[in-house]
Amino acid sequence: MAADKPLKLAIVAGEESGDLLGADIVRSLERTTGRKVQLVGIGGRHLQQLGLTPLFDGGEIALMGFSAVLRDLPRLMRRIGQTAAMIAAERPDCLVTIDSPDFSLRVARKVRAAAPTIPIVHYVCPSVWAWRPGRAVAMKPYVDHILCILPFEVKALARLGGPPGTYVGHRLTQDPGVLSAAKAQSQPRDLADDRVKTVLVLPGSRRGEVRRLMEPFGKAMSVLRQRGHRLRLLLPTVPHVAELVKASIASWDDKPEIIIEPERKWQAFGKADAALIASGTVSLELALAGVPMVSSYKLDPIARQLLQHLVTTWSALLPNLISDRALVPEFYDQYVRPENLARQLEALLADTGMRAWQKAGFAEIARRMATERPSGEIAAEVVMGCIRRANRE
C-alpha cells in the first residue's frame, strides 16, 4: 500500500446522520494518514462535498419501519444488487456501511460473496442487544468490525458471538446544544413548592406517537394542576408533526408553548425542571443535558404483537441501559395512565431522592460515554487497521 497513493473508500450511507458520520471518517482519514480519500458508493450532501458522486440518492434507502420496507421491497432489492455490484467492481481498500441495516448489511453480504478480500466495517451497531439477537452472529461472516456508538455494545457483540466492536463515542456527547443545556442544568435551581415549575412535554417525532400520547400527556398535566402545581409547559417538536401537535393541545387545560426552532429547543432543555417524554433518542439527549424525566410509549397493535416476542432487553431506554440502573421510570401501553405519570413527575419537581438518583445517574452516563479522542479519529484508526490486515493476508 503506497503511502502517497489515494485511499479508495466505498461508503453506503442513507440517513442524514449516517452521511455526517461518513464525512467525519473521511476527514479523519485524510488528516491522520496525509493521503487523499477517493470515494465511491452512496451518500448525501456531506459526503458529496468531499468528492462522492453517489450511485443514486441516499434518501431512497432511508426507510423507516417494517411496513415501509415491505412496500418498497422490489426497488430495495434492486438497489442492493446494483450497489454491491458497483462496489465489488471498484475494488476499494475498504467498504464502510453506516446504519440503515436493512439495506447496508445486505450490501455488505453481497460484496463479501463477490469480492472476499475487501475489508468491511459497519458503523452504528444494530440493536442486537434489544431484539433479534441472532443478527449478531449472522453478521460475523461478512462484517470484519463494528464501530459502536453506545459503550455497552462492544460487550454485547462479544456475548452474542458477533463481529469485534470498538466504542468510538456518540455525537451527542459533543453536541453544542446538549452541552449548552447541560451547563444551564448544572446551575443551582429553586424547587420550592410555591414556584412555577417548567415541564418539557416531548410526545415524539412520528405522527403515530403524537396521536397516541398527546391525550394522556395532557391529562397528566391537568392532574398536576389539580394537585396544586403551577406549571409552565414547553413542547419542542419538529415541523412535520407541528400542526398535529397544535390540534392536539386544543383540549388541554394548560396550553404548552410549542417550540420548533432547534436553538430554542436546547434553551428549553436548559430551563426545564423535569420532562415527560415518548421513549426514544430524546431520552439520551435529556440524560446528557441532566434533565430528570419520566418516559412512556404506546405501540400500535400490530407492532405490539410482533415485538413482544422479539424484544430481549430489560429496558427500552438508553439511559437505563448505559447506566445499568433503573434510572428513569418507563410505562408502556395500558400502563400509560395520566394519574401515575403526574405523580411520577411530581417526585422530580422537588429536591427528592428520586431526582437526586436520576441526576447522579446522568453524570455517570456522561462519564461512561466520554472518549479521549474524537470519534472520527477512533473510527478512522479502526478502518486503517482493517485495511492493513487485509493487505497482509
Protein backbone atom coordinates (compact mmCIF):
# COMPACT_ATOMS: atom_id res chain seq x y z
CA MET A 1 0.00 0.00 0.00
CA ALA A 2 1.89 3.05 -1.26
CA ALA A 3 1.99 5.89 1.27
CA ASP A 4 1.25 8.54 -1.37
CA LYS A 5 -1.46 6.57 -3.19
CA PRO A 6 -5.04 7.78 -2.56
CA LEU A 7 -7.19 5.56 -0.39
CA LYS A 8 -10.27 4.29 -2.18
CA LEU A 9 -13.15 4.07 0.27
CA ALA A 10 -16.60 2.71 -0.51
CA ILE A 11 -19.33 4.14 1.71
CA VAL A 12 -23.02 3.25 1.98
CA ALA A 13 -24.92 5.91 3.98
CA GLY A 14 -28.64 6.54 3.54
CA GLU A 15 -29.66 8.64 6.54
CA GLU A 16 -28.52 12.24 7.13
CA SER A 17 -26.95 11.10 10.42
CA GLY A 18 -25.01 8.38 8.59
CA ASP A 19 -23.85 10.86 5.97
CA LEU A 20 -22.40 13.04 8.75
CA LEU A 21 -20.63 10.06 10.35
CA GLY A 22 -19.18 9.04 6.99
CA ALA A 23 -17.89 12.54 6.28
CA ASP A 24 -16.28 12.58 9.73
CA ILE A 25 -14.39 9.35 8.96
CA VAL A 26 -13.19 10.66 5.58
CA ARG A 27 -11.85 13.90 7.05
CA SER A 28 -10.15 11.98 9.88
CA LEU A 29 -8.56 9.51 7.44
CA GLU A 30 -7.15 12.33 5.33
CA ARG A 31 -5.88 14.18 8.40
CA THR A 32 -4.26 11.18 10.13
CA THR A 33 -2.80 9.46 7.04
CA GLY A 34 -1.93 12.50 4.96
CA ARG A 35 -3.50 10.77 1.95
CA LYS A 36 -6.37 11.78 -0.27
CA VAL A 37 -9.52 9.65 0.02
CA GLN A 38 -11.31 8.71 -3.18
CA LEU A 39 -14.99 7.94 -2.56
CA VAL A 40 -17.45 5.60 -4.23
CA GLY A 41 -20.87 4.43 -3.09
CA ILE A 42 -23.94 6.18 -1.69
CA GLY A 43 -24.21 9.24 0.49
CA GLY A 44 -25.75 12.65 0.94
CA ARG A 45 -24.62 16.24 0.74
CA HIS A 46 -21.83 15.99 3.33
CA LEU A 47 -20.05 13.13 1.55
CA GLN A 48 -20.73 14.73 -1.82
CA GLN A 49 -18.90 17.85 -0.63
CA LEU A 50 -15.89 15.57 -0.06
CA GLY A 51 -15.97 14.23 -3.61
CA LEU A 52 -18.55 11.42 -3.64
CA THR A 53 -20.67 11.04 -6.76
CA PRO A 54 -23.41 8.74 -5.44
CA LEU A 55 -24.73 5.82 -7.42
CA PHE A 56 -28.22 7.10 -6.55
CA ASP A 57 -29.89 9.38 -3.99
CA GLY A 58 -29.23 8.06 -0.49
CA GLY A 59 -32.74 9.12 0.52
CA GLU A 60 -34.05 6.09 -1.34
CA ILE A 61 -32.72 3.76 1.34
CA ALA A 62 -33.70 5.87 4.36
CA LEU A 63 -36.69 3.65 5.07
CA MET A 64 -38.43 3.73 8.42
CA GLY A 65 -40.32 0.75 9.76
CA PHE A 66 -41.40 -2.72 8.74
CA SER A 67 -44.27 -1.61 6.50
CA ALA A 68 -42.10 0.85 4.56
CA VAL A 69 -39.52 -1.86 3.85
CA LEU A 70 -42.22 -4.28 2.66
CA ARG A 71 -43.86 -1.70 0.41
CA ASP A 72 -40.59 -0.79 -1.31
CA LEU A 73 -39.04 -4.27 -1.27
CA PRO A 74 -38.68 -4.76 -5.06
CA ARG A 75 -36.89 -1.42 -5.53
CA LEU A 76 -34.86 -2.02 -2.38
CA MET A 77 -33.61 -5.40 -3.59
CA ARG A 78 -32.73 -3.95 -6.99
CA ARG A 79 -30.73 -1.15 -5.39
CA ILE A 80 -28.95 -3.61 -3.10
CA GLY A 81 -27.79 -5.61 -6.11
CA GLN A 82 -26.70 -2.51 -8.03
CA THR A 83 -24.75 -1.12 -5.08
CA ALA A 84 -22.98 -4.37 -4.27
CA ALA A 85 -22.02 -4.97 -7.91
CA MET A 86 -20.60 -1.46 -8.27
CA ILE A 87 -18.55 -1.71 -5.06
CA ALA A 88 -17.20 -5.16 -5.94
CA ALA A 89 -16.15 -3.88 -9.37
CA GLU A 90 -14.44 -0.79 -7.90
CA ARG A 91 -12.28 -2.91 -5.54
CA PRO A 92 -11.98 -0.26 -2.79
CA ASP A 93 -9.44 -0.51 0.02
CA CYS A 94 -12.37 -0.82 2.43
CA LEU A 95 -16.18 -0.74 2.50
CA VAL A 96 -17.80 1.24 5.32
CA THR A 97 -21.54 0.70 5.70
CA ILE A 98 -23.33 3.11 8.03
CA ASP A 99 -26.55 2.38 9.90
CA SER A 100 -29.66 1.56 7.73
CA PRO A 101 -29.06 -2.17 8.39
CA ASP A 102 -31.98 -3.41 6.26
CA PHE A 103 -30.08 -2.07 3.25
CA SER A 104 -26.42 -1.71 4.15
CA LEU A 105 -25.84 -5.13 5.70
CA ARG A 106 -27.41 -6.85 2.70
CA VAL A 107 -24.99 -4.91 0.51
CA ALA A 108 -22.12 -6.00 2.76
CA ARG A 109 -23.10 -9.66 2.47
CA LYS A 110 -23.23 -9.49 -1.33
CA VAL A 111 -19.90 -7.64 -1.55
CA ARG A 112 -18.23 -10.26 0.66
CA ALA A 113 -19.55 -13.02 -1.64
CA ALA A 114 -18.40 -11.23 -4.82
CA ALA A 115 -15.09 -9.81 -3.57
CA PRO A 116 -13.99 -11.60 -0.37
CA THR A 117 -10.74 -9.63 0.01
CA ILE A 118 -12.43 -6.24 0.57
CA PRO A 119 -12.48 -5.46 4.32
CA ILE A 120 -15.90 -4.40 5.60
CA VAL A 121 -16.60 -2.13 8.59
CA HIS A 122 -20.12 -1.30 9.78
CA TYR A 123 -20.75 1.96 11.68
CA VAL A 124 -23.62 2.04 14.26
CA CYS A 125 -24.22 -1.36 15.81
CA PRO A 126 -27.66 -2.82 15.02
CA SER A 127 -29.67 -3.10 18.24
CA VAL A 128 -28.94 -6.83 18.64
CA TRP A 129 -28.83 -6.25 22.40
CA ALA A 130 -32.52 -5.27 22.33
CA TRP A 131 -34.17 -7.56 19.82
CA ARG A 132 -33.37 -10.34 17.33
CA PRO A 133 -30.01 -11.17 18.95
CA GLY A 134 -29.30 -13.80 16.29
CA ARG A 135 -28.35 -10.98 13.94
CA ALA A 136 -25.04 -10.61 15.81
CA VAL A 137 -23.59 -13.99 14.89
CA ALA A 138 -25.18 -13.73 11.42
CA MET A 139 -23.05 -10.63 10.66
CA LYS A 140 -19.74 -12.26 11.54
CA PRO A 141 -19.01 -13.89 8.15
CA TYR A 142 -19.30 -10.62 6.22
CA VAL A 143 -18.55 -7.79 8.69
CA ASP A 144 -14.96 -7.53 9.95
CA HIS A 145 -15.51 -4.84 12.58
CA ILE A 146 -18.34 -2.76 14.06
CA LEU A 147 -17.99 0.83 15.19
CA CYS A 148 -20.25 1.18 18.24
CA ILE A 149 -21.82 4.42 19.45
CA LEU A 150 -23.03 3.08 22.81
CA PRO A 151 -20.47 1.88 25.39
CA PHE A 152 -22.21 -1.41 26.29
CA GLU A 153 -22.43 -2.62 22.68
CA VAL A 154 -18.86 -3.97 22.48
CA LYS A 155 -19.51 -6.49 25.27
CA ALA A 156 -22.96 -7.29 23.87
CA LEU A 157 -21.45 -8.22 20.49
CA ALA A 158 -18.87 -10.45 22.17
CA ARG A 159 -21.53 -12.11 24.33
CA LEU A 160 -23.75 -12.78 21.31
CA GLY A 161 -20.93 -14.11 19.11
CA GLY A 162 -20.90 -11.15 16.71
CA PRO A 163 -18.01 -9.35 14.99
CA PRO A 164 -15.47 -7.48 17.13
CA GLY A 165 -16.54 -3.96 18.08
CA THR A 166 -14.90 -0.70 19.12
CA TYR A 167 -16.65 2.04 21.04
CA VAL A 168 -15.97 5.28 19.16
CA GLY A 169 -18.28 7.62 21.08
CA HIS A 170 -21.62 9.25 20.39
CA ARG A 171 -22.17 12.54 18.58
CA LEU A 172 -24.49 13.80 21.35
CA THR A 173 -21.65 13.93 23.87
CA GLN A 174 -20.10 16.79 21.87
CA ASP A 175 -23.30 18.38 20.54
CA PRO A 176 -23.21 22.16 21.23
CA GLY A 177 -26.94 22.23 22.07
CA VAL A 178 -26.63 19.40 24.59
CA LEU A 179 -23.55 21.00 26.15
CA SER A 180 -25.26 24.39 26.49
CA ALA A 181 -28.33 22.77 28.12
CA ALA A 182 -26.09 20.77 30.48
CA LYS A 183 -24.32 23.97 31.55
CA ALA A 184 -27.68 25.60 32.35
CA GLN A 185 -28.84 22.49 34.25
CA SER A 186 -25.67 22.50 36.36
CA GLN A 187 -26.61 25.84 37.94
CA PRO A 188 -28.39 25.94 41.36
CA ARG A 189 -32.16 25.59 40.96
CA ASP A 190 -35.01 26.81 43.18
CA LEU A 191 -37.53 23.97 43.52
CA ALA A 192 -39.65 25.48 46.29
CA ASP A 193 -43.27 24.31 46.36
CA ASP A 194 -44.68 27.75 45.54
CA ARG A 195 -42.51 28.25 42.45
CA VAL A 196 -43.83 27.87 38.89
CA LYS A 197 -42.22 24.68 37.54
CA THR A 198 -41.11 24.29 33.93
CA VAL A 199 -42.05 20.94 32.41
CA LEU A 200 -40.92 19.70 29.00
CA VAL A 201 -43.51 17.68 27.10
CA LEU A 202 -42.00 15.55 24.32
CA PRO A 203 -44.61 13.31 22.65
CA GLY A 204 -42.36 12.01 19.85
CA SER A 205 -41.49 12.94 16.26
CA ARG A 206 -43.76 10.49 14.42
CA ARG A 207 -47.42 11.09 13.78
CA GLY A 208 -48.50 7.82 15.38
CA GLU A 209 -46.56 8.60 18.55
CA VAL A 210 -48.13 12.03 18.80
CA ARG A 211 -51.66 10.69 18.23
CA ARG A 212 -51.31 8.02 20.91
CA LEU A 213 -49.57 10.11 23.60
CA MET A 214 -50.92 13.66 23.44
CA GLU A 215 -54.17 12.83 25.24
CA PRO A 216 -52.63 11.05 28.28
CA PHE A 217 -49.85 13.67 28.45
CA GLY A 218 -52.41 16.48 28.51
CA LYS A 219 -54.42 14.74 31.21
CA ALA A 220 -51.27 14.23 33.28
CA MET A 221 -50.64 17.98 33.20
CA SER A 222 -54.23 18.55 34.37
CA VAL A 223 -53.71 16.16 37.29
CA LEU A 224 -50.60 18.07 38.33
CA ARG A 225 -52.55 21.32 38.26
CA GLN A 226 -55.32 19.75 40.33
CA ARG A 227 -52.69 18.71 42.87
CA GLY A 228 -51.67 22.34 43.34
CA HIS A 229 -48.75 22.73 40.94
CA ARG A 230 -48.28 25.86 38.85
CA LEU A 231 -46.71 24.89 35.55
CA ARG A 232 -45.03 26.37 32.52
CA LEU A 233 -45.26 23.80 29.73
CA LEU A 234 -42.75 23.75 26.86
CA LEU A 235 -43.30 21.40 23.91
CA PRO A 236 -40.38 21.14 21.45
CA THR A 237 -41.42 19.38 18.25
CA VAL A 238 -40.46 19.00 14.59
CA PRO A 239 -42.08 20.72 11.59
CA HIS A 240 -43.75 17.65 10.06
CA VAL A 241 -45.89 17.00 13.17
CA ALA A 242 -46.27 20.60 14.37
CA GLU A 243 -49.81 21.04 13.02
CA LEU A 244 -50.93 17.75 14.58
CA VAL A 245 -49.46 18.86 17.90
CA LYS A 246 -51.24 22.22 17.69
CA ALA A 247 -54.56 20.50 17.02
CA SER A 248 -54.00 18.03 19.86
CA ILE A 249 -53.48 20.68 22.56
CA ALA A 250 -56.87 22.31 21.90
CA SER A 251 -58.46 20.31 24.72
CA TRP A 252 -55.61 20.78 27.23
CA ASP A 253 -56.35 22.83 30.36
CA ASP A 254 -52.86 24.36 30.27
CA LYS A 255 -51.64 25.13 26.75
CA PRO A 256 -47.93 24.45 26.20
CA GLU A 257 -45.62 26.75 24.30
CA ILE A 258 -44.79 24.95 21.05
CA ILE A 259 -41.13 25.17 20.02
CA ILE A 260 -39.89 24.25 16.55
CA GLU A 261 -36.54 26.04 16.27
CA PRO A 262 -33.56 23.81 17.30
CA GLU A 263 -31.80 26.60 19.20
CA ARG A 264 -34.90 27.29 21.30
CA LYS A 265 -35.27 23.56 21.94
CA TRP A 266 -31.90 23.45 23.68
CA GLN A 267 -32.78 26.60 25.63
CA ALA A 268 -35.93 24.81 26.80
CA PHE A 269 -33.85 21.79 27.86
CA GLY A 270 -31.71 24.13 29.96
CA LYS A 271 -34.75 25.72 31.65
CA ALA A 272 -36.73 22.53 32.34
CA ASP A 273 -37.24 21.21 35.85
CA ALA A 274 -38.42 17.84 34.50
CA ALA A 275 -39.72 16.20 31.32
CA LEU A 276 -42.46 13.81 30.23
CA ILE A 277 -41.33 12.04 27.09
CA ALA A 278 -42.05 9.46 24.44
CA SER A 279 -39.38 6.76 24.71
CA GLY A 280 -36.65 7.33 22.12
CA THR A 281 -33.31 9.03 21.41
CA VAL A 282 -34.56 12.15 23.20
CA SER A 283 -34.05 10.26 26.47
CA LEU A 284 -30.29 10.26 25.85
CA GLU A 285 -30.35 13.95 24.89
CA LEU A 286 -32.10 14.74 28.18
CA ALA A 287 -29.81 12.50 30.24
CA LEU A 288 -26.67 14.14 28.83
CA ALA A 289 -28.26 17.55 29.45
CA GLY A 290 -29.12 16.49 33.01
CA VAL A 291 -32.93 16.85 32.81
CA PRO A 292 -34.91 14.47 35.08
CA MET A 293 -37.63 12.63 33.17
CA VAL A 294 -40.46 10.12 33.04
CA SER A 295 -40.81 8.02 29.88
CA SER A 296 -43.75 6.28 28.24
CA TYR A 297 -44.79 4.79 24.92
CA LYS A 298 -47.84 3.35 23.21
CA LEU A 299 -47.25 0.90 20.37
CA ASP A 300 -49.74 0.36 17.58
CA PRO A 301 -51.49 -3.04 17.97
CA ILE A 302 -49.61 -4.78 15.14
CA ALA A 303 -46.18 -3.69 16.38
CA ARG A 304 -47.13 -4.73 19.91
CA GLN A 305 -47.92 -8.27 18.79
CA LEU A 306 -44.68 -8.55 16.80
CA LEU A 307 -42.28 -7.01 19.29
CA GLN A 308 -43.44 -8.79 22.42
CA HIS A 309 -41.90 -11.99 21.03
CA LEU A 310 -38.70 -10.36 19.70
CA VAL A 311 -37.56 -7.88 22.37
CA THR A 312 -34.99 -9.31 24.79
CA THR A 313 -33.67 -6.28 26.68
CA TRP A 314 -34.75 -5.40 30.25
CA SER A 315 -35.34 -1.72 29.38
CA ALA A 316 -36.18 0.25 26.25
CA LEU A 317 -34.43 3.41 27.44
CA LEU A 318 -30.82 4.18 26.57
CA PRO A 319 -30.08 5.99 29.87
CA ASN A 320 -31.14 2.90 31.81
CA LEU A 321 -29.16 0.55 29.57
CA ILE A 322 -25.99 2.66 29.58
CA SER A 323 -26.03 3.18 33.35
CA ASP A 324 -27.24 -0.40 34.00
CA ARG A 325 -29.69 1.08 36.51
CA ALA A 326 -33.45 1.64 36.51
CA LEU A 327 -32.83 5.39 36.50
CA VAL A 328 -35.83 6.58 34.51
CA PRO A 329 -39.33 5.17 35.14
CA GLU A 330 -40.90 3.88 31.92
CA PHE A 331 -44.52 2.99 31.25
CA TYR A 332 -45.95 1.27 28.20
CA ASP A 333 -49.32 0.74 26.52
CA GLN A 334 -52.09 0.18 29.07
CA TYR A 335 -49.81 1.46 31.85
CA VAL A 336 -49.61 4.94 30.30
CA ARG A 337 -52.02 6.35 32.91
CA PRO A 338 -52.21 10.11 33.46
CA GLU A 339 -52.66 9.84 37.23
CA ASN A 340 -49.49 7.75 37.55
CA LEU A 341 -47.47 9.89 35.11
CA ALA A 342 -48.42 13.00 37.10
CA ARG A 343 -47.28 11.52 40.40
CA GLN A 344 -44.03 10.27 38.88
CA LEU A 345 -43.32 13.78 37.54
CA GLU A 346 -44.28 15.30 40.87
CA ALA A 347 -41.44 13.37 42.51
CA LEU A 348 -38.98 15.07 40.13
CA LEU A 349 -40.25 18.63 40.64
CA ALA A 350 -38.78 18.92 44.15
CA ASP A 351 -35.48 18.09 45.88
CA THR A 352 -36.32 14.42 46.29
CA GLY A 353 -34.25 11.26 46.42
CA MET A 354 -35.70 10.25 43.04
CA ARG A 355 -34.49 13.47 41.44
CA ALA A 356 -31.03 13.11 43.03
CA TRP A 357 -30.86 9.45 41.88
CA GLN A 358 -31.52 10.46 38.28
CA LYS A 359 -29.10 13.39 38.31
CA ALA A 360 -26.28 11.25 39.74
CA GLY A 361 -27.02 8.54 37.19
CA PHE A 362 -26.92 11.03 34.33
CA ALA A 363 -23.49 12.22 35.45
CA GLU A 364 -22.32 8.59 35.39
CA ILE A 365 -23.70 8.19 31.85
CA ALA A 366 -21.68 11.20 30.69
CA ARG A 367 -18.54 9.65 32.22
CA ARG A 368 -19.17 6.27 30.59
CA MET A 369 -19.79 7.80 27.17
CA ALA A 370 -16.72 10.07 27.19
CA THR A 371 -13.84 9.27 24.83
CA GLU A 372 -10.26 10.53 24.99
CA ARG A 373 -10.17 11.26 21.26
CA PRO A 374 -12.76 12.42 18.70
CA SER A 375 -14.98 9.62 17.41
CA GLY A 376 -13.96 10.19 13.79
CA GLU A 377 -10.31 9.69 14.69
CA ILE A 378 -11.04 6.42 16.53
CA ALA A 379 -13.21 5.20 13.64
CA ALA A 380 -10.52 6.09 11.09
CA GLU A 381 -7.94 4.13 13.10
CA VAL A 382 -10.16 1.03 13.02
CA VAL A 383 -10.69 1.38 9.26
CA MET A 384 -6.94 1.67 8.63
CA GLY A 385 -6.29 -1.36 10.86
CA CYS A 386 -8.71 -3.42 8.76
CA ILE A 387 -7.05 -2.23 5.54
CA ARG A 388 -3.57 -3.15 6.82
CA ARG A 389 -4.69 -6.61 7.93
CA ALA A 390 -6.31 -7.24 4.55
CA ASN A 391 -3.12 -6.21 2.75
CA ARG A 392 -1.02 -8.59 4.89
CA GLU A 393 -3.29 -11.56 4.17
